[in-house]
Protein backbone atom coordinates (compact mmCIF):
# COMPACT_ATOMS: atom_id res chain seq x y z
CA MET A 1 -0.09 -0.01 -0.02
CA HIS A 2 3.04 2.16 0.10
CA ILE A 3 2.67 4.36 -3.06
CA PRO A 4 6.13 4.77 -4.61
CA GLU A 5 7.50 7.80 -6.27
CA ASN A 6 5.99 9.00 -9.40
CA TYR A 7 2.95 6.77 -9.50
CA LEU A 8 0.90 9.85 -8.63
CA SER A 9 1.43 13.25 -10.33
CA PRO A 10 3.28 16.07 -8.53
CA SER A 11 -0.11 17.99 -8.37
CA THR A 12 -1.94 14.89 -6.78
CA CYS A 13 0.89 14.68 -4.21
CA GLY A 14 0.60 18.39 -3.52
CA ILE A 15 -3.17 18.12 -2.70
CA PHE A 16 -2.48 15.32 -0.21
CA ASP A 17 0.34 17.07 1.41
CA ALA A 18 -1.97 20.08 1.81
CA LEU A 19 -4.78 17.88 3.14
CA MET A 20 -2.48 16.36 5.78
CA VAL A 21 -0.97 19.52 7.31
CA PRO A 22 -4.11 20.52 9.17
CA VAL A 23 -4.45 16.90 10.25
CA TRP A 24 -0.97 16.70 11.65
CA LEU A 25 -1.36 20.22 13.51
CA ILE A 26 -4.51 19.03 15.11
CA SER A 27 -3.04 15.74 15.93
CA VAL A 28 -0.13 17.46 17.65
CA ARG A 29 -2.47 19.56 19.71
CA LYS A 30 -4.70 16.65 20.66
CA VAL A 31 -1.61 14.55 21.69
CA ARG A 32 -0.42 17.15 23.86
CA GLU A 33 -3.68 17.63 25.58
CA ASP A 34 -4.63 13.91 25.96
CA ILE A 35 -1.33 12.17 26.57
CA PRO A 36 1.00 13.03 29.48
CA ARG A 37 4.46 13.75 28.51
CA GLU A 38 5.98 10.81 30.41
CA LYS A 39 3.71 8.46 28.33
CA LEU A 40 5.08 9.57 25.01
CA PRO A 41 7.98 7.05 24.79
CA LEU A 42 5.35 4.31 24.89
CA LEU A 43 3.84 5.95 21.73
CA GLY A 44 7.32 5.31 20.15
CA ILE A 45 7.14 1.67 21.06
CA ALA A 46 3.61 1.54 19.31
CA ALA A 47 5.04 3.27 16.35
CA ALA A 48 7.78 0.70 16.23
CA LEU A 49 5.15 -2.17 16.22
CA SER A 50 3.51 -0.65 13.29
CA PHE A 51 6.87 -0.27 11.49
CA LEU A 52 7.75 -3.87 11.97
CA SER A 53 4.44 -5.23 10.95
CA MET A 54 4.82 -3.36 7.68
CA MET A 55 8.10 -5.06 7.05
CA ILE A 56 6.57 -8.53 7.16
CA ASN A 57 5.27 -9.21 3.68
CA ILE A 58 2.60 -11.78 3.10
CA PRO A 59 2.23 -13.32 -0.36
CA LEU A 60 -0.82 -13.53 -2.42
CA PRO A 61 -1.32 -16.09 -5.27
CA GLY A 62 -0.46 -14.36 -8.52
CA GLY A 63 2.94 -12.87 -7.35
CA THR A 64 1.87 -9.85 -5.21
CA THR A 65 2.37 -9.19 -1.56
CA GLY A 66 1.08 -7.04 1.16
CA HIS A 67 1.30 -6.35 4.91
CA ALA A 68 -0.50 -5.24 8.11
CA VAL A 69 -0.04 -1.63 9.12
CA GLY A 70 -0.86 -1.64 12.80
CA GLY A 71 -2.91 1.48 12.68
CA THR A 72 -5.88 0.14 14.69
CA LEU A 73 -3.57 -1.10 17.36
CA ILE A 74 -2.21 2.30 18.02
CA ALA A 75 -5.59 4.07 17.74
CA ILE A 76 -6.97 1.63 20.39
CA LEU A 77 -4.10 2.14 22.72
CA PHE A 78 -3.65 5.89 22.38
CA GLY A 79 -6.45 7.37 20.26
CA PRO A 80 -6.64 8.00 16.54
CA TYR A 81 -4.71 11.37 16.69
CA ALA A 82 -1.75 9.75 18.34
CA ALA A 83 -2.00 6.92 15.77
CA CYS A 84 -1.93 9.54 13.03
CA LEU A 85 1.35 10.99 14.34
CA ALA A 86 3.03 7.69 15.15
CA ILE A 87 2.37 6.09 11.87
CA SER A 88 3.23 9.36 10.01
CA ILE A 89 6.68 9.34 11.40
CA ALA A 90 7.14 5.52 10.79
CA LEU A 91 6.11 6.19 7.15
CA PHE A 92 8.60 9.05 6.89
CA ILE A 93 11.40 6.88 8.14
CA GLN A 94 10.52 3.99 5.78
CA ALA A 95 10.63 6.56 2.80
CA LEU A 96 13.71 8.44 3.82
CA PHE A 97 15.79 5.56 5.01
CA PHE A 98 14.67 2.54 3.21
CA GLY A 99 12.85 3.76 0.06
CA ASP A 100 9.64 2.15 1.06
CA GLY A 101 7.00 4.64 -0.25
CA GLY A 102 7.93 7.89 -2.02
CA ILE A 103 9.18 11.12 -0.64
CA LEU A 104 6.61 13.04 -2.93
CA ALA A 105 3.89 10.60 -2.17
CA PHE A 106 4.45 10.88 1.60
CA GLY A 107 1.41 13.03 2.06
CA ALA A 108 -0.94 10.64 0.10
CA ASN A 109 0.62 7.55 2.00
CA CYS A 110 -0.07 9.21 5.35
CA PHE A 111 -3.48 10.25 4.25
CA ASN A 112 -4.38 6.55 3.59
CA MET A 113 -2.48 4.75 6.31
CA ALA A 114 -2.09 7.30 9.01
CA PHE A 115 -5.52 9.21 8.70
CA ILE A 116 -8.00 7.19 7.16
CA LEU A 117 -7.10 3.73 8.50
CA PRO A 118 -6.83 4.63 12.23
CA PHE A 119 -9.66 7.04 12.42
CA ILE A 120 -12.18 4.81 10.58
CA ALA A 121 -10.97 1.81 12.64
CA TYR A 122 -11.06 3.66 15.97
CA PHE A 123 -14.70 4.98 15.53
CA THR A 124 -15.75 1.45 14.23
CA TYR A 125 -14.19 -0.11 17.31
CA ASP A 126 -15.67 2.56 19.60
CA LYS A 127 -19.14 1.73 18.22
CA LEU A 128 -18.71 -2.13 18.20
CA LYS A 129 -17.19 -2.56 21.69
CA LYS A 130 -20.45 -1.45 23.29
CA LYS A 131 -22.36 -4.50 21.58
CA ILE A 132 -19.82 -7.12 21.08
CA PRO A 133 -16.57 -8.26 23.01
CA ALA A 134 -13.76 -5.91 22.81
CA GLY A 135 -11.38 -8.35 21.12
CA LEU A 136 -13.90 -9.09 18.20
CA ALA A 137 -14.66 -5.31 17.85
CA ALA A 138 -10.89 -4.59 17.47
CA SER A 139 -10.51 -7.46 14.89
CA ILE A 140 -13.53 -6.22 12.85
CA ALA A 141 -12.25 -2.63 12.99
CA ALA A 142 -8.88 -3.53 11.96
CA TYR A 143 -10.24 -5.24 8.97
CA ILE A 144 -12.47 -2.42 7.92
CA GLY A 145 -9.74 0.24 8.41
CA ILE A 146 -7.16 -1.31 6.36
CA ASN A 147 -9.69 -1.99 3.44
CA ALA A 148 -10.80 1.56 3.56
CA ALA A 149 -7.04 2.76 3.17
CA ALA A 150 -6.52 0.19 0.32
CA LEU A 151 -9.71 1.53 -1.43
CA LEU A 152 -8.49 4.98 -1.33
CA ALA A 153 -5.06 4.04 -2.66
CA ALA A 154 -6.60 2.12 -5.44
CA VAL A 155 -8.70 5.19 -6.44
CA GLU A 156 -5.56 7.48 -6.24
CA PHE A 157 -3.87 5.10 -8.60
CA GLY A 158 -6.86 4.77 -10.93
CA ILE A 159 -7.46 8.29 -11.52
CA GLN A 160 -4.02 9.07 -12.73
CA PRO A 161 -4.59 7.77 -16.27
CA LEU A 162 -7.85 9.55 -16.59
CA LEU A 163 -6.35 12.92 -15.64
CA PHE A 164 -2.78 12.87 -16.89
CA THR A 165 -1.78 11.55 -20.35
CA ASP A 166 0.68 12.48 -23.16
CA GLY A 167 -0.23 13.52 -26.73
CA ALA A 168 -0.34 9.76 -27.66
CA GLY A 169 -2.90 9.13 -25.05
CA GLN A 170 -0.37 7.21 -22.96
CA ALA A 171 -0.67 7.60 -19.16
CA LEU A 172 2.07 9.84 -17.64
CA TYR A 173 1.97 8.30 -14.23
CA CYS A 174 0.12 5.12 -12.81
CA PRO A 175 -1.22 3.63 -16.06
CA TYR A 176 -3.86 1.31 -14.53
CA PRO A 177 -7.47 2.81 -14.51
CA LEU A 178 -9.95 2.21 -11.85
CA GLN A 179 -11.36 -0.89 -13.46
CA ILE A 180 -8.01 -2.56 -12.96
CA SER A 181 -6.63 -0.72 -9.86
CA VAL A 182 -9.65 -1.21 -7.69
CA PRO A 183 -10.16 -4.90 -8.12
CA ALA A 184 -6.19 -5.53 -8.06
CA MET A 185 -5.83 -3.61 -4.78
CA MET A 186 -8.86 -4.96 -3.09
CA LEU A 187 -8.49 -8.52 -3.80
CA GLY A 188 -5.60 -8.95 -1.48
CA HIS A 189 -6.90 -6.53 1.24
CA LEU A 190 -10.33 -8.18 1.36
CA THR A 191 -8.63 -11.51 1.87
CA LEU A 192 -5.23 -12.16 3.30
CA PHE A 193 -4.03 -8.53 3.99
CA GLY A 194 -7.23 -7.38 5.94
CA LEU A 195 -6.98 -10.81 7.91
CA ALA A 196 -3.45 -10.08 8.80
CA GLU A 197 -4.31 -6.64 10.18
CA ALA A 198 -7.02 -8.16 12.21
CA ILE A 199 -4.84 -10.88 13.63
CA PHE A 200 -1.88 -8.59 14.28
CA THR A 201 -4.17 -6.01 16.17
CA THR A 202 -6.04 -8.63 18.32
CA ALA A 203 -2.98 -10.70 19.02
CA VAL A 204 -0.74 -7.72 20.22
CA LEU A 205 -3.67 -6.37 22.31
CA SER A 206 -4.23 -9.67 23.97
CA TYR A 207 -0.44 -10.15 24.68
CA ILE A 208 -0.36 -6.64 26.30
CA ARG A 209 -3.55 -7.43 28.37
CA LYS A 210 -1.86 -10.42 29.63
CA THR A 211 1.84 -9.29 30.17
CA SER A 212 1.50 -5.48 30.85
CA PRO A 213 -2.08 -4.79 31.74
CA ASN A 214 -1.41 -1.37 33.39
CA LEU A 215 1.21 -0.15 31.02
CA PHE A 216 -1.05 1.84 28.63
CA THR A 217 -3.21 3.31 31.47
CA LEU A 218 -3.09 6.85 32.72
CA ASN A 219 -1.70 5.79 36.10
CA GLY A 220 0.38 2.97 34.92
CA PRO A 221 4.08 2.91 34.57
CA SER A 222 5.66 5.19 32.04
CA ARG A 223 8.66 2.87 30.91
CA SER A 224 8.24 -0.30 28.85
CA ASP A 225 8.70 -3.56 30.55
CA LYS A 226 10.53 -6.59 29.51
CA SER A 227 7.53 -8.26 27.87
CA VAL A 228 6.93 -5.46 25.51
CA LEU A 229 10.66 -5.26 24.75
CA ALA A 230 10.44 -9.03 24.10
CA LEU A 231 7.65 -8.62 21.69
CA LEU A 232 9.68 -5.91 19.79
CA GLY A 233 12.66 -8.33 19.56
CA ALA A 234 10.46 -11.25 18.43
CA LEU A 235 9.00 -9.09 15.56
CA ILE A 236 12.58 -7.95 14.66
CA LEU A 237 13.64 -11.60 14.37
CA ALA A 238 10.65 -12.32 12.24
CA THR A 239 10.95 -9.56 9.77
CA PRO A 240 13.10 -11.73 7.39
CA LEU A 241 9.89 -13.81 6.73
CA GLY A 242 9.02 -10.94 4.48
CA LEU A 243 11.86 -12.02 2.19
CA LEU A 244 10.05 -15.30 1.56
CA SER A 245 7.27 -13.47 -0.27
CA ALA A 246 8.15 -13.53 -3.98
CA GLY A 247 7.08 -10.70 -6.15
CA THR A 248 6.15 -7.00 -5.31
CA ALA A 249 3.06 -5.48 -3.79
CA TRP A 250 0.64 -4.36 -6.36
CA GLY A 251 1.44 -0.70 -7.61
CA GLU A 252 5.00 -0.70 -6.30
CA TRP A 253 6.95 -1.94 -9.28
CA ALA A 254 10.01 -0.06 -10.67
CA PRO A 255 9.18 1.85 -13.60
CA GLU A 256 11.31 -0.34 -15.93
CA GLU A 257 9.10 -3.32 -14.87
CA LEU A 258 5.82 -1.70 -16.06
CA ALA A 259 6.20 -2.38 -19.73
CA ASP A 260 6.20 -6.02 -19.23
CA THR A 261 3.64 -6.13 -16.43
CA THR A 262 0.45 -7.98 -17.50
CA TYR A 263 -3.10 -7.61 -16.20
CA PHE A 264 -6.05 -9.23 -17.85
CA GLY A 265 -3.90 -10.78 -20.47
CA THR A 266 -2.28 -7.70 -22.02
CA ALA A 267 1.15 -6.26 -21.26
CA LEU A 268 1.32 -2.50 -20.81
CA GLY A 269 3.92 -2.19 -23.53
CA TYR A 270 5.49 1.10 -22.42
CA THR A 271 6.94 3.12 -19.45
CA PRO A 272 5.07 6.19 -18.64
CA SER A 273 7.22 9.15 -19.22
CA GLY A 274 6.22 10.81 -15.99
CA MET A 275 7.54 8.03 -14.04
CA GLU A 276 10.65 7.32 -16.26
CA ASN A 277 11.77 11.02 -15.96
CA GLY A 278 10.15 11.99 -12.53
CA PHE A 279 11.59 12.83 -9.24
CA SER A 280 14.37 10.48 -8.08
CA PHE A 281 15.61 9.80 -4.50
CA THR A 282 18.03 7.24 -3.25
CA SER A 283 17.37 6.20 0.22
CA PHE A 284 20.14 5.31 2.69
CA LEU A 285 19.26 1.48 2.78
CA PRO A 286 17.03 0.83 -0.08
CA ASP A 287 14.63 -2.17 0.18
CA TYR A 288 15.93 -2.71 3.88
CA THR A 289 19.22 -4.05 2.48
CA VAL A 290 22.79 -3.38 3.85
CA ALA A 291 25.73 -3.59 1.42
CA GLY A 292 28.05 -6.57 2.35
CA LEU A 293 25.36 -8.33 4.49
CA PRO A 294 23.19 -11.12 3.49
CA ASP A 295 19.58 -10.17 2.88
CA GLU A 296 18.30 -11.60 6.03
CA LEU A 297 20.73 -9.87 8.09
CA GLY A 298 20.31 -6.66 6.39
CA TYR A 299 16.66 -6.92 6.83
CA MET A 300 16.91 -7.47 10.57
CA LEU A 301 19.46 -4.63 11.00
CA SER A 302 17.16 -2.33 9.18
CA ALA A 303 14.39 -3.38 11.48
CA VAL A 304 16.71 -2.62 14.47
CA ILE A 305 17.60 0.87 12.91
CA GLY A 306 13.95 1.79 12.32
CA THR A 307 12.75 0.74 15.71
CA ALA A 308 15.63 2.50 17.47
CA LEU A 309 14.75 5.68 15.49
CA LEU A 310 11.23 5.68 16.47
CA MET A 311 11.93 5.14 20.08
CA ILE A 312 14.52 7.72 20.14
CA ILE A 313 12.27 10.22 18.47
CA PHE A 314 9.41 9.64 20.99
CA LYS A 315 11.86 9.66 23.79
CA LEU A 316 13.19 13.06 22.81
CA VAL A 317 9.77 14.78 21.95
CA PRO A 318 8.87 15.32 25.57
CA THR A 319 11.96 17.41 26.17
CA PHE A 320 10.88 20.02 23.63
CA MET A 321 7.19 20.11 25.11
CA PRO A 322 6.45 22.54 27.78
CA PRO A 323 4.65 21.05 30.77
CA ARG A 324 0.97 21.18 30.98
CA ALA A 325 -0.96 22.09 34.24
CA HIS A 326 -3.58 19.32 33.49
CA ALA A 327 -3.39 16.23 31.35
CA LYS A 328 -6.70 14.89 30.19
CA THR A 329 -8.16 11.41 29.91
CA THR A 330 -6.68 7.99 29.89
CA VAL A 331 -4.18 6.66 27.38
CA HIS A 332 -5.49 3.15 27.16
CA ARG A 333 -8.51 2.88 24.92
CA ASP A 334 -9.22 -0.83 24.99
CA SER A 335 -11.97 -1.95 27.29
C-alpha cells in the first residue's frame, strides 16, 4: 500500500500534502492535551510495532504481496490522533531511510495509512465494543480500517490515467485505470492482508493485556517492561519472513518493470514518461538491504535501525514540550 515515487502526479501529491498539514497540526495539539509527557515514549514503542508489521510481507497467489499496518492497534491504545502522528513518522522513516514509499507521495501515504485507517478503525471499534466483545470489535475494526485505506489508494492510482496523459494518449503516471486498480488492490486486502491486520491487532492487544495490563493506562508505569521489549525483539527476528514473499506489492513496481507487467492478458507495452523522468531519490538503505550483508541480516539490521529511530524520536519529543497544568483522559482505549 506504500505508493512509490512518481505513481501519482506532483499535483496529486501536493493536494494530499495540503490535506495532511491541518491533520498533523490538530493531531499534535490533541496528543499534547490527551497524553501525559511521560507516556510519549510508549507511543514510540507502538510506532515501532507498526513499522515492524509493515516489514513482514505476506504473499498472495499471483505474485503480489502485502502487509499489516498496525494503525488500529495504536488507535485503540492511544487514540486516533496519536496513531496518526506515530504512523506518519514511521512512514517518513520508511521513505527516507529505506525507500519504502515515495518522498513526494508521503502525504498521500499518510492520508491513507495514518489518517483514514486509524480514524475509521477507531470509531468503528468505539461503536462495536458497546455491543460485542472488545477483542472481536478490534478485529472487525482493523479489517475495515485497512480496507478503507486500500480502497483510497486504489482510487488514487486509478484516476491518474484519466487525468494525466501525453499527446499519444499514454498515461504519464500510474497507467492502470479504476477498473484495474480497484479490483487488483482490493483482492488482497479483502482476503489475506485484511485478515493479517485483524490478527496482528488482536494478538498484540491480547499479549499486552496479559503481560502488561497497566502499561497503557493513565496511572500505569511510564517505561516499557521486559515483555513489551521481548515482543519488539521477536518481531525484529521475524522480519526476514518478509523476504520469503516472492514478487512485489501491487502498484509498487519499478518503472522499468511496468512495460512487461501484464493484467487481464495484455502487457502494458510502455513506460509512462512521468515515471521514467520523474523525481528520483536514493534512500540510505534501499529495500531494507545493507551492502555487504546477507539479505536476512540486512533486513533485521534495518528493523533494528527503524525501531531505534522511532523510540529515540518519541523519547526526545517530551523534552521539547512545555509542561501542562492538567493532562486529560486516559491513554489506554481498550476496554
